[in-house]
Amino acid sequence: MTLQQLRYAVGIANTGSFSKAAEVLFISQPSLTTAVHDLEKQIGITIFNRTNRGVTLTPEGEEFVARANELLNHFKSMVNRYDKDERKKKRFAVSTQHYSFAVKSFVNMVKKFNIDDYDFALRETKTKEVIDDVASLRSEIGIIYLSEFNRKYISHLLKEHDLVFQKLIVCNAYAYMWKNNPLASKLYVTLEDLSQYPCLSFEQGESGNYYFAEEILSTNEYHKTIKANDRATMLNFMVGLNGYTLCSGIISEEINGSDYVAVPFKDDNGENDRNMEIGYIVKKNFMLSTICRIYIREMEEYLKAYTTERGILS
């Protein structure tokens, strides 16, 4: 089995066609077909179902291509780090749920690099994609949260992908809303208070389930719900519809602006027992780059300063 064969299999899976993959991979279709046939013979499984309308992955093929993708990204990471020419350009990527502190820390990290060439990326995306990005090394680090509700499921998923979770901070739950929302001046809000306003959440896609939700109490039945897929749209809904979202309360005004407030959330008994443990995920036993370690330090310092200044975190 060779890296080239793995590239061929991934290319076919991505295009859904031997002919299209051949064009992308700059190889003749007969040669590509032969190479994949030899690969399937070597490993003893059928990777693709061939039909007149194209190709689809078999169940065994789905697992194989996922692992091939991971291996290819590992190889790419090694090249980026150790190749003489590639080392001239600094590369780093992070995938994260929608946290403004992650964006602000990224900005602070970039400002520390006085270099001519770099290729950095920050991807605010769905929870499952954060995990997949780090598992495949598309991103070196991912930012997610654990709670009493999702911890068992997410921890199992991380273990399956050979990932580890490191805690950054544990915080209480807050209702995040526009500063002119009728509830914005309250000392705290309950679900009863919030029931007349739309509950906003980030869309998790087809693979989404309650465990992937970025907001706590995702299994509650809300009378009014609206899903968004980006930060700007959610903020617009807060202003236009007096919507709210249940989140960590860690808000960067430099990123989101000063028109929004985080009001402490309490349950129906007046007790705040909803905690979010926010942290980062990385590959197990993977040596983190200097850039990644600086980014982690920026997050830790930002959260520590935020705790000291606001005094709202547990």
C-alpha atoms as a PDB file:
ATOM      1  CA  MET A   1       0.000   0.000   0.000  1.00  0.00           C
ATOM      2  CA  THR A   2       1.387   3.403  -0.983  1.00  0.00           C
ATOM      3  CA  LEU A   3       0.516   7.029  -0.274  1.00  0.00           C
ATOM      4  CA  GLN A   4      -0.296   7.412  -3.953  1.00  0.00           C
ATOM      5  CA  GLN A   5      -2.896   4.673  -3.747  1.00  0.00           C
ATOM      6  CA  LEU A   6      -4.427   6.383  -0.725  1.00  0.00           C
ATOM      7  CA  ARG A   7      -4.577   9.672  -2.653  1.00  0.00           C
ATOM      8  CA  TYR A   8      -6.342   7.882  -5.499  1.00  0.00           C
ATOM      9  CA  ALA A   9      -8.967   6.383  -3.171  1.00  0.00           C
ATOM     10  CA  VAL A  10      -9.609   9.711  -1.442  1.00  0.00           C
ATOM     11  CA  GLY A  11      -9.785  11.501  -4.801  1.00  0.00           C
ATOM     12  CA  ILE A  12     -12.432   9.108  -6.115  1.00  0.00           C
ATOM     13  CA  ALA A  13     -14.426   9.381  -2.893  1.00  0.00           C
ATOM     14  CA  ASN A  14     -14.361  13.185  -3.077  1.00  0.00           C
ATOM     15  CA  THR A  15     -15.465  13.377  -6.723  1.00  0.00           C
ATOM     16  CA  GLY A  16     -17.775  10.342  -6.828  1.00  0.00           C
ATOM     17  CA  SER A  17     -16.373   9.393 -10.197  1.00  0.00           C
ATOM     18  CA  PHE A  18     -13.332   7.587 -11.587  1.00  0.00           C
ATOM     19  CA  SER A  19     -13.228   9.853 -14.633  1.00  0.00           C
ATOM     20  CA  LYS A  20     -13.457  13.107 -12.644  1.00  0.00           C
ATOM     21  CA  ALA A  21     -10.887  11.854 -10.149  1.00  0.00           C
ATOM     22  CA  ALA A  22      -8.539  10.955 -12.999  1.00  0.00           C
ATOM     23  CA  GLU A  23      -8.706  14.546 -14.268  1.00  0.00           C
ATOM     24  CA  VAL A  24      -8.023  15.993 -10.811  1.00  0.00           C
ATOM     25  CA  LEU A  25      -5.208  13.535 -10.116  1.00  0.00           C
ATOM     26  CA  PHE A  26      -3.631  13.943 -13.577  1.00  0.00           C
ATOM     27  CA  ILE A  27      -3.729  10.238 -14.364  1.00  0.00           C
ATOM     28  CA  SER A  28      -5.437   8.244 -17.088  1.00  0.00           C
ATOM     29  CA  GLN A  29      -8.703   6.591 -16.078  1.00  0.00           C
ATOM     30  CA  PRO A  30      -7.498   3.062 -16.975  1.00  0.00           C
ATOM     31  CA  SER A  31      -4.392   3.545 -14.824  1.00  0.00           C
ATOM     32  CA  LEU A  32      -6.513   4.847 -11.938  1.00  0.00           C
ATOM     33  CA  THR A  33      -8.920   1.918 -12.224  1.00  0.00           C
ATOM     34  CA  THR A  34      -6.047  -0.557 -12.207  1.00  0.00           C
ATOM     35  CA  ALA A  35      -4.397   1.111  -9.217  1.00  0.00           C
ATOM     36  CA  VAL A  36      -7.593   0.992  -7.147  1.00  0.00           C
ATOM     37  CA  HIS A  37      -8.276  -2.607  -8.196  1.00  0.00           C
ATOM     38  CA  ASP A  38      -4.773  -3.551  -7.027  1.00  0.00           C
ATOM     39  CA  LEU A  39      -5.331  -1.705  -3.757  1.00  0.00           C
ATOM     40  CA  GLU A  40      -8.617  -3.482  -3.081  1.00  0.00           C
ATOM     41  CA  LYS A  41      -6.934  -6.800  -3.815  1.00  0.00           C
ATOM     42  CA  GLN A  42      -4.062  -5.997  -1.426  1.00  0.00           C
ATOM     43  CA  ILE A  43      -6.259  -5.057   1.520  1.00  0.00           C
ATOM     44  CA  GLY A  44      -8.990  -7.603   0.867  1.00  0.00           C
ATOM     45  CA  ILE A  45     -12.014  -5.296   0.800  1.00  0.00           C
ATOM     46  CA  THR A  46     -14.162  -3.576  -1.814  1.00  0.00           C
ATOM     47  CA  ILE A  47     -13.811   0.169  -1.362  1.00  0.00           C
ATOM     48  CA  PHE A  48     -16.259   1.359  -4.030  1.00  0.00           C
ATOM     49  CA  ASN A  49     -19.596   0.250  -5.411  1.00  0.00           C
ATOM     50  CA  ARG A  50     -19.465   0.850  -9.179  1.00  0.00           C
ATOM     51  CA  THR A  51     -22.696   1.834 -10.951  1.00  0.00           C
ATOM     52  CA  ASN A  52     -23.648   3.495 -14.220  1.00  0.00           C
ATOM     53  CA  ARG A  53     -24.295   6.706 -12.290  1.00  0.00           C
ATOM     54  CA  GLY A  54     -20.905   6.810 -10.582  1.00  0.00           C
ATOM     55  CA  VAL A  55     -19.354   5.260  -7.510  1.00  0.00           C
ATOM     56  CA  THR A  56     -20.284   5.139  -3.844  1.00  0.00           C
ATOM     57  CA  LEU A  57     -18.349   3.966  -0.833  1.00  0.00           C
ATOM     58  CA  THR A  58     -19.057   0.592   0.708  1.00  0.00           C
ATOM     59  CA  PRO A  59     -19.307   0.493   4.532  1.00  0.00           C
ATOM     60  CA  GLU A  60     -15.740  -0.866   4.622  1.00  0.00           C
ATOM     61  CA  GLY A  61     -14.742   1.778   2.101  1.00  0.00           C
ATOM     62  CA  GLU A  62     -16.072   4.604   4.290  1.00  0.00           C
ATOM     63  CA  GLU A  63     -13.841   3.515   7.156  1.00  0.00           C
ATOM     64  CA  PHE A  64     -10.862   3.007   4.841  1.00  0.00           C
ATOM     65  CA  VAL A  65     -11.167   6.429   3.199  1.00  0.00           C
ATOM     66  CA  ALA A  66     -11.567   8.124   6.600  1.00  0.00           C
ATOM     67  CA  ARG A  67      -8.359   6.489   7.806  1.00  0.00           C
ATOM     68  CA  ALA A  68      -6.625   7.253   4.511  1.00  0.00           C
ATOM     69  CA  ASN A  69      -7.577  10.914   4.880  1.00  0.00           C
ATOM     70  CA  GLU A  70      -6.169  10.948   8.384  1.00  0.00           C
ATOM     71  CA  LEU A  71      -2.899   9.340   7.266  1.00  0.00           C
ATOM     72  CA  LEU A  72      -2.508  11.737   4.340  1.00  0.00           C
ATOM     73  CA  ASN A  73      -3.035  14.714   6.627  1.00  0.00           C
ATOM     74  CA  HIS A  74      -0.455  13.302   9.031  1.00  0.00           C
ATOM     75  CA  PHE A  75       1.982  13.062   6.133  1.00  0.00           C
ATOM     76  CA  LYS A  76       1.182  16.592   4.997  1.00  0.00           C
ATOM     77  CA  SER A  77       1.746  17.842   8.529  1.00  0.00           C
ATOM     78  CA  MET A  78       5.144  16.133   8.617  1.00  0.00           C
ATOM     79  CA  VAL A  79       6.092  17.700   5.284  1.00  0.00           C
ATOM     80  CA  ASN A  80       4.988  21.138   6.432  1.00  0.00           C
ATOM     81  CA  ARG A  81       7.024  20.854   9.597  1.00  0.00           C
ATOM     82  CA  TYR A  82      10.223  19.251   8.335  1.00  0.00           C
ATOM     83  CA  ASP A  83      10.548  19.951   4.623  1.00  0.00           C
ATOM     84  CA  LYS A  84      13.343  22.479   4.070  1.00  0.00           C
ATOM     85  CA  ASP A  85      11.353  24.665   1.693  1.00  0.00           C
ATOM     86  CA  GLU A  86       8.038  24.363   3.512  1.00  0.00           C
ATOM     87  CA  ARG A  87       9.543  25.424   6.829  1.00  0.00           C
ATOM     88  CA  LYS A  88       9.971  28.938   5.491  1.00  0.00           C
ATOM     89  CA  LYS A  89       6.226  29.528   5.779  1.00  0.00           C
ATOM     90  CA  LYS A  90       4.615  29.136   9.223  1.00  0.00           C
ATOM     91  CA  ARG A  91       1.352  27.190   9.144  1.00  0.00           C
ATOM     92  CA  PHE A  92      -1.309  26.778  11.802  1.00  0.00           C
ATOM     93  CA  ALA A  93      -5.053  26.078  11.888  1.00  0.00           C
ATOM     94  CA  VAL A  94      -7.654  25.899  14.641  1.00  0.00           C
ATOM     95  CA  SER A  95     -11.260  24.710  14.449  1.00  0.00           C
ATOM     96  CA  THR A  96     -13.695  25.922  17.069  1.00  0.00           C
ATOM     97  CA  GLN A  97     -17.263  26.212  18.162  1.00  0.00           C
ATOM     98  CA  HIS A  98     -18.477  29.807  18.105  1.00  0.00           C
ATOM     99  CA  TYR A  99     -16.467  31.442  20.903  1.00  0.00           C
ATOM    100  CA  SER A 100     -15.411  35.078  20.601  1.00  0.00           C
ATOM    101  CA  PHE A 101     -12.557  34.495  23.081  1.00  0.00           C
ATOM    102  CA  ALA A 102     -11.104  31.907  20.659  1.00  0.00           C
ATOM    103  CA  VAL A 103     -11.144  34.521  17.895  1.00  0.00           C
ATOM    104  CA  LYS A 104      -9.668  37.258  20.119  1.00  0.00           C
ATOM    105  CA  SER A 105      -6.896  34.902  21.303  1.00  0.00           C
ATOM    106  CA  PHE A 106      -6.167  34.008  17.679  1.00  0.00           C
ATOM    107  CA  VAL A 107      -5.806  37.707  16.833  1.00  0.00           C
ATOM    108  CA  ASN A 108      -3.436  38.182  19.782  1.00  0.00           C
ATOM    109  CA  MET A 109      -1.407  35.161  18.677  1.00  0.00           C
ATOM    110  CA  VAL A 110      -1.033  36.372  15.088  1.00  0.00           C
ATOM    111  CA  LYS A 111       0.167  39.785  16.273  1.00  0.00           C
ATOM    112  CA  LYS A 112       3.071  38.118  18.074  1.00  0.00           C
ATOM    113  CA  PHE A 113       4.560  36.821  14.817  1.00  0.00           C
ATOM    114  CA  ASN A 114       6.887  39.259  13.131  1.00  0.00           C
ATOM    115  CA  ILE A 115       7.467  37.086  10.084  1.00  0.00           C
ATOM    116  CA  ASP A 116       7.022  37.627   6.374  1.00  0.00           C
ATOM    117  CA  ASP A 117       5.351  34.329   5.458  1.00  0.00           C
ATOM    118  CA  TYR A 118       2.584  32.533   7.282  1.00  0.00           C
ATOM    119  CA  ASP A 119      -0.570  30.613   6.430  1.00  0.00           C
ATOM    120  CA  PHE A 120      -2.980  30.637   9.390  1.00  0.00           C
ATOM    121  CA  ALA A 121      -6.636  29.569   9.534  1.00  0.00           C
ATOM    122  CA  LEU A 122      -9.434  29.805  12.094  1.00  0.00           C
ATOM    123  CA  ARG A 123     -12.571  27.821  11.325  1.00  0.00           C
ATOM    124  CA  GLU A 124     -15.724  28.534  13.338  1.00  0.00           C
ATOM    125  CA  THR A 125     -17.745  25.462  12.492  1.00  0.00           C
ATOM    126  CA  LYS A 126     -20.028  22.665  13.654  1.00  0.00           C
ATOM    127  CA  THR A 127     -19.057  20.532  16.658  1.00  0.00           C
ATOM    128  CA  LYS A 128     -18.630  17.318  14.657  1.00  0.00           C
ATOM    129  CA  GLU A 129     -16.449  19.135  12.125  1.00  0.00           C
ATOM    130  CA  VAL A 130     -14.243  20.495  14.917  1.00  0.00           C
ATOM    131  CA  ILE A 131     -13.611  16.923  16.050  1.00  0.00           C
ATOM    132  CA  ASP A 132     -13.100  15.646  12.484  1.00  0.00           C
ATOM    133  CA  ASP A 133     -10.718  18.505  11.634  1.00  0.00           C
ATOM    134  CA  VAL A 134      -8.440  17.737  14.574  1.00  0.00           C
ATOM    135  CA  ALA A 135      -8.681  13.975  14.059  1.00  0.00           C
ATOM    136  CA  SER A 136      -7.503  14.383  10.456  1.00  0.00           C
ATOM    137  CA  LEU A 137      -4.977  17.098  11.423  1.00  0.00           C
ATOM    138  CA  ARG A 138      -6.684  19.589   9.145  1.00  0.00           C
ATOM    139  CA  SER A 139      -6.487  21.675  12.295  1.00  0.00           C
ATOM    140  CA  GLU A 140      -3.911  21.233  15.028  1.00  0.00           C
ATOM    141  CA  ILE A 141      -6.314  22.175  17.820  1.00  0.00           C
ATOM    142  CA  GLY A 142     -10.068  22.401  18.362  1.00  0.00           C
ATOM    143  CA  ILE A 143     -12.183  24.292  20.917  1.00  0.00           C
ATOM    144  CA  ILE A 144     -15.341  22.639  22.319  1.00  0.00           C
ATOM    145  CA  TYR A 145     -17.173  22.306  25.625  1.00  0.00           C
ATOM    146  CA  LEU A 146     -18.296  19.432  27.819  1.00  0.00           C
ATOM    147  CA  SER A 147     -21.264  19.341  30.173  1.00  0.00           C
ATOM    148  CA  GLU A 148     -22.983  16.826  32.396  1.00  0.00           C
ATOM    149  CA  PHE A 149     -25.288  16.070  29.461  1.00  0.00           C
ATOM    150  CA  ASN A 150     -22.839  15.580  26.591  1.00  0.00           C
ATOM    151  CA  ARG A 151     -19.665  14.477  28.407  1.00  0.00           C
ATOM    152  CA  LYS A 152     -20.089  10.704  28.048  1.00  0.00           C
ATOM    153  CA  TYR A 153     -20.982  10.843  24.343  1.00  0.00           C
ATOM    154  CA  ILE A 154     -18.336  13.394  23.327  1.00  0.00           C
ATOM    155  CA  SER A 155     -15.629  11.708  25.423  1.00  0.00           C
ATOM    156  CA  HIS A 156     -16.346   8.402  23.696  1.00  0.00           C
ATOM    157  CA  LEU A 157     -16.122  10.101  20.299  1.00  0.00           C
ATOM    158  CA  LEU A 158     -12.814  11.735  21.211  1.00  0.00           C
ATOM    159  CA  LYS A 159     -11.395   8.399  22.358  1.00  0.00           C
ATOM    160  CA  GLU A 160     -12.450   6.801  19.064  1.00  0.00           C
ATOM    161  CA  HIS A 161     -10.484   9.464  17.181  1.00  0.00           C
ATOM    162  CA  ASP A 162      -7.437   9.268  19.470  1.00  0.00           C
ATOM    163  CA  LEU A 163      -8.039  12.793  20.794  1.00  0.00           C
ATOM    164  CA  VAL A 164      -7.611  14.245  24.280  1.00  0.00           C
ATOM    165  CA  PHE A 165      -9.518  17.095  25.954  1.00  0.00           C
ATOM    166  CA  GLN A 166      -7.742  19.698  28.086  1.00  0.00           C
ATOM    167  CA  LYS A 167      -9.803  22.005  30.286  1.00  0.00           C
ATOM    168  CA  LEU A 168      -9.440  25.759  29.892  1.00  0.00           C
ATOM    169  CA  ILE A 169     -12.215  26.977  32.187  1.00  0.00           C
ATOM    170  CA  VAL A 170     -15.473  25.971  33.866  1.00  0.00           C
ATOM    171  CA  CYS A 171     -18.196  28.584  33.724  1.00  0.00           C
ATOM    172  CA  ASN A 172     -21.813  29.041  34.677  1.00  0.00           C
ATOM    173  CA  ALA A 173     -24.565  29.463  32.128  1.00  0.00           C
ATOM    174  CA  TYR A 174     -25.700  32.849  30.843  1.00  0.00           C
ATOM    175  CA  ALA A 175     -28.430  34.086  28.542  1.00  0.00           C
ATOM    176  CA  TYR A 176     -26.766  36.185  25.866  1.00  0.00           C
ATOM    177  CA  MET A 177     -28.998  38.865  24.340  1.00  0.00           C
ATOM    178  CA  TRP A 178     -29.260  42.380  22.908  1.00  0.00           C
ATOM    179  CA  LYS A 179     -28.761  45.152  25.484  1.00  0.00           C
ATOM    180  CA  ASN A 180     -32.284  46.523  24.759  1.00  0.00           C
ATOM    181  CA  ASN A 181     -34.002  43.191  25.320  1.00  0.00           C
ATOM    182  CA  PRO A 182     -36.625  43.649  28.097  1.00  0.00           C
ATOM    183  CA  LEU A 183     -34.757  41.026  30.152  1.00  0.00           C
ATOM    184  CA  ALA A 184     -31.320  42.609  29.796  1.00  0.00           C
ATOM    185  CA  SER A 185     -31.498  44.564  33.067  1.00  0.00           C
ATOM    186  CA  LYS A 186     -32.566  41.613  35.255  1.00  0.00           C
ATOM    187  CA  LEU A 187     -30.183  40.193  37.859  1.00  0.00           C
ATOM    188  CA  TYR A 188     -30.843  36.733  36.427  1.00  0.00           C
ATOM    189  CA  VAL A 189     -33.289  34.999  34.097  1.00  0.00           C
ATOM    190  CA  THR A 190     -35.116  31.669  34.196  1.00  0.00           C
ATOM    191  CA  LEU A 191     -36.618  29.515  31.469  1.00  0.00           C
ATOM    192  CA  GLU A 192     -39.991  30.997  32.316  1.00  0.00           C
ATOM    193  CA  ASP A 193     -38.631  34.501  31.738  1.00  0.00           C
ATOM    194  CA  LEU A 194     -37.123  33.461  28.427  1.00  0.00           C
ATOM    195  CA  SER A 195     -40.123  31.496  27.142  1.00  0.00           C
ATOM    196  CA  GLN A 196     -41.687  34.433  25.272  1.00  0.00           C
ATOM    197  CA  TYR A 197     -38.521  35.074  23.201  1.00  0.00           C
ATOM    198  CA  PRO A 198     -36.917  33.010  20.400  1.00  0.00           C
ATOM    199  CA  CYS A 199     -34.197  30.603  21.533  1.00  0.00           C
ATOM    200  CA  LEU A 200     -31.254  30.840  19.130  1.00  0.00           C
ATOM    201  CA  SER A 201     -28.784  28.049  18.417  1.00  0.00           C
ATOM    202  CA  PHE A 202     -26.083  27.196  15.929  1.00  0.00           C
ATOM    203  CA  GLU A 203     -27.090  24.696  13.264  1.00  0.00           C
ATOM    204  CA  GLN A 204     -25.210  21.390  13.435  1.00  0.00           C
ATOM    205  CA  GLY A 205     -26.056  20.000   9.982  1.00  0.00           C
ATOM    206  CA  GLU A 206     -27.305  16.564   8.987  1.00  0.00           C
ATOM    207  CA  SER A 207     -25.044  14.828  11.498  1.00  0.00           C
ATOM    208  CA  GLY A 208     -26.296  17.102  14.258  1.00  0.00           C
ATOM    209  CA  ASN A 209     -27.833  15.730  17.417  1.00  0.00           C
ATOM    210  CA  TYR A 210     -28.436  17.051  20.898  1.00  0.00           C
ATOM    211  CA  TYR A 211     -24.944  16.031  22.021  1.00  0.00           C
ATOM    212  CA  PHE A 212     -23.335  18.257  19.374  1.00  0.00           C
ATOM    213  CA  ALA A 213     -25.304  21.364  20.377  1.00  0.00           C
ATOM    214  CA  GLU A 214     -23.159  24.359  21.307  1.00  0.00           C
ATOM    215  CA  GLU A 215     -25.783  25.563  23.756  1.00  0.00           C
ATOM    216  CA  ILE A 216     -26.763  23.965  27.063  1.00  0.00           C
ATOM    217  CA  LEU A 217     -30.285  22.607  27.656  1.00  0.00           C
ATOM    218  CA  SER A 218     -30.477  21.555  24.013  1.00  0.00           C
ATOM    219  CA  THR A 219     -33.093  18.894  24.821  1.00  0.00           C
ATOM    220  CA  ASN A 220     -35.566  21.363  26.312  1.00  0.00           C
ATOM    221  CA  GLU A 221     -38.779  22.018  24.432  1.00  0.00           C
ATOM    222  CA  TYR A 222     -38.809  25.664  23.403  1.00  0.00           C
ATOM    223  CA  HIS A 223     -41.896  27.362  21.982  1.00  0.00           C
ATOM    224  CA  LYS A 224     -39.818  29.480  19.603  1.00  0.00           C
ATOM    225  CA  THR A 225     -36.527  28.298  18.121  1.00  0.00           C
ATOM    226  CA  ILE A 226     -34.335  29.694  15.364  1.00  0.00           C
ATOM    227  CA  LYS A 227     -31.110  28.159  14.072  1.00  0.00           C
ATOM    228  CA  ALA A 228     -28.259  30.097  12.499  1.00  0.00           C
ATOM    229  CA  ASN A 229     -24.949  29.013  11.015  1.00  0.00           C
ATOM    230  CA  ASP A 230     -22.790  32.050  11.732  1.00  0.00           C
ATOM    231  CA  ARG A 231     -22.160  34.550  14.511  1.00  0.00           C
ATOM    232  CA  ALA A 232     -23.310  37.658  12.601  1.00  0.00           C
ATOM    233  CA  THR A 233     -26.721  36.181  11.783  1.00  0.00           C
ATOM    234  CA  MET A 234     -27.285  35.166  15.396  1.00  0.00           C
ATOM    235  CA  LEU A 235     -26.434  38.667  16.601  1.00  0.00           C
ATOM    236  CA  ASN A 236     -28.853  40.115  14.046  1.00  0.00           C
ATOM    237  CA  PHE A 237     -31.618  37.874  15.403  1.00  0.00           C
ATOM    238  CA  MET A 238     -30.887  39.127  18.911  1.00  0.00           C
ATOM    239  CA  VAL A 239     -31.424  42.698  17.757  1.00  0.00           C
ATOM    240  CA  GLY A 240     -34.312  42.168  15.350  1.00  0.00           C
ATOM    241  CA  LEU A 241     -36.264  39.527  17.277  1.00  0.00           C
ATOM    242  CA  ASN A 242     -35.069  39.896  20.867  1.00  0.00           C
ATOM    243  CA  GLY A 243     -33.706  36.379  20.604  1.00  0.00           C
ATOM    244  CA  TYR A 244     -31.292  34.865  23.104  1.00  0.00           C
ATOM    245  CA  THR A 245     -28.867  31.982  23.374  1.00  0.00           C
ATOM    246  CA  LEU A 246     -27.694  30.057  26.432  1.00  0.00           C
ATOM    247  CA  CYS A 247     -23.923  30.184  26.529  1.00  0.00           C
ATOM    248  CA  SER A 248     -20.816  30.590  28.672  1.00  0.00           C
ATOM    249  CA  GLY A 249     -21.065  34.332  29.161  1.00  0.00           C
ATOM    250  CA  ILE A 250     -17.453  34.818  28.032  1.00  0.00           C
ATOM    251  CA  ILE A 251     -17.951  37.618  25.536  1.00  0.00           C
ATOM    252  CA  SER A 252     -15.310  39.684  23.765  1.00  0.00           C
ATOM    253  CA  GLU A 253     -16.710  43.142  23.062  1.00  0.00           C
ATOM    254  CA  GLU A 254     -13.844  43.745  20.636  1.00  0.00           C
ATOM    255  CA  ILE A 255     -15.197  40.890  18.506  1.00  0.00           C
ATOM    256  CA  ASN A 256     -18.977  41.055  19.046  1.00  0.00           C
ATOM    257  CA  GLY A 257     -19.370  44.752  19.837  1.00  0.00           C
ATOM    258  CA  SER A 258     -20.790  46.398  22.972  1.00  0.00           C
ATOM    259  CA  ASP A 259     -24.503  46.085  22.134  1.00  0.00           C
ATOM    260  CA  TYR A 260     -24.967  42.729  23.850  1.00  0.00           C
ATOM    261  CA  VAL A 261     -25.118  41.534  27.449  1.00  0.00           C
ATOM    262  CA  ALA A 262     -24.812  38.214  29.270  1.00  0.00           C
ATOM    263  CA  VAL A 263     -27.427  37.742  32.008  1.00  0.00           C
ATOM    264  CA  PRO A 264     -26.907  34.944  34.575  1.00  0.00           C
ATOM    265  CA  PHE A 265     -29.215  31.980  33.959  1.00  0.00           C
ATOM    266  CA  LYS A 266     -30.847  30.139  36.840  1.00  0.00           C
ATOM    267  CA  ASP A 267     -33.127  27.143  36.892  1.00  0.00           C
ATOM    268  CA  ASP A 268     -36.726  27.219  38.080  1.00  0.00           C
ATOM    269  CA  ASN A 269     -35.609  26.898  41.710  1.00  0.00           C
ATOM    270  CA  GLY A 270     -33.399  29.946  41.431  1.00  0.00           C
ATOM    271  CA  GLU A 271     -30.217  27.880  41.566  1.00  0.00           C
ATOM    272  CA  ASN A 272     -27.571  28.022  38.882  1.00  0.00           C
ATOM    273  CA  ASP A 273     -26.491  24.411  38.372  1.00  0.00           C
ATOM    274  CA  ARG A 274     -25.681  24.539  34.667  1.00  0.00           C
ATOM    275  CA  ASN A 275     -21.934  24.417  34.046  1.00  0.00           C
ATOM    276  CA  MET A 276     -19.924  24.401  30.840  1.00  0.00           C
ATOM    277  CA  GLU A 277     -16.361  23.069  30.822  1.00  0.00           C
ATOM    278  CA  ILE A 278     -14.674  24.715  27.862  1.00  0.00           C
ATOM    279  CA  GLY A 279     -11.396  23.291  26.649  1.00  0.00           C
ATOM    280  CA  TYR A 280      -9.304  22.307  23.667  1.00  0.00           C
ATOM    281  CA  ILE A 281      -8.803  18.987  21.905  1.00  0.00           C
ATOM    282  CA  VAL A 282      -5.603  17.772  20.282  1.00  0.00           C
ATOM    283  CA  LYS A 283      -4.210  14.518  18.955  1.00  0.00           C
ATOM    284  CA  LYS A 284      -3.038  12.166  21.691  1.00  0.00           C
ATOM    285  CA  ASN A 285       0.769  12.090  22.026  1.00  0.00           C
ATOM    286  CA  PHE A 286       1.106  14.652  19.228  1.00  0.00           C
ATOM    287  CA  MET A 287       3.906  17.189  19.654  1.00  0.00           C
ATOM    288  CA  LEU A 288       2.263  20.591  19.408  1.00  0.00           C
ATOM    289  CA  SER A 289       3.886  23.292  17.337  1.00  0.00           C
ATOM    290  CA  THR A 290       5.284  26.438  18.909  1.00  0.00           C
ATOM    291  CA  ILE A 291       2.465  28.415  17.299  1.00  0.00           C
ATOM    292  CA  CYS A 292      -0.157  26.155  18.864  1.00  0.00           C
ATOM    293  CA  ARG A 293       1.419  26.460  22.307  1.00  0.00           C
ATOM    294  CA  ILE A 294       1.406  30.251  21.976  1.00  0.00           C
ATOM    295  CA  TYR A 295      -2.269  30.153  20.980  1.00  0.00           C
ATOM    296  CA  ILE A 296      -3.119  28.039  24.030  1.00  0.00           C
ATOM    297  CA  ARG A 297      -1.233  30.468  26.262  1.00  0.00           C
ATOM    298  CA  GLU A 298      -3.135  33.401  24.723  1.00  0.00           C
ATOM    299  CA  MET A 299      -6.454  31.698  25.510  1.00  0.00           C
ATOM    300  CA  GLU A 300      -5.396  30.922  29.069  1.00  0.00           C
ATOM    301  CA  GLU A 301      -4.247  34.498  29.667  1.00  0.00           C
ATOM    302  CA  TYR A 302      -7.373  35.989  28.114  1.00  0.00           C
ATOM    303  CA  LEU A 303      -9.685  33.812  30.221  1.00  0.00           C
ATOM    304  CA  LYS A 304      -7.715  34.524  33.392  1.00  0.00           C
ATOM    305  CA  ALA A 305      -7.922  38.276  32.763  1.00  0.00           C
ATOM    306  CA  TYR A 306     -11.628  38.016  31.962  1.00  0.00           C
ATOM    307  CA  THR A 307     -12.255  36.128  35.210  1.00  0.00           C
ATOM    308  CA  THR A 308     -10.392  38.727  37.226  1.00  0.00           C
ATOM    309  CA  GLU A 309     -12.079  41.702  35.558  1.00  0.00           C
ATOM    310  CA  ARG A 310     -15.675  40.482  35.430  1.00  0.00           C
ATOM    311  CA  GLY A 311     -15.793  37.994  38.299  1.00  0.00           C
ATOM    312  CA  ILE A 312     -18.613  36.075  36.627  1.00  0.00           C
ATOM    313  CA  LEU A 313     -17.011  32.696  36.062  1.00  0.00           C
ATOM    314  CA  SER A 314     -16.938  29.757  38.425  1.00  0.00           C
END
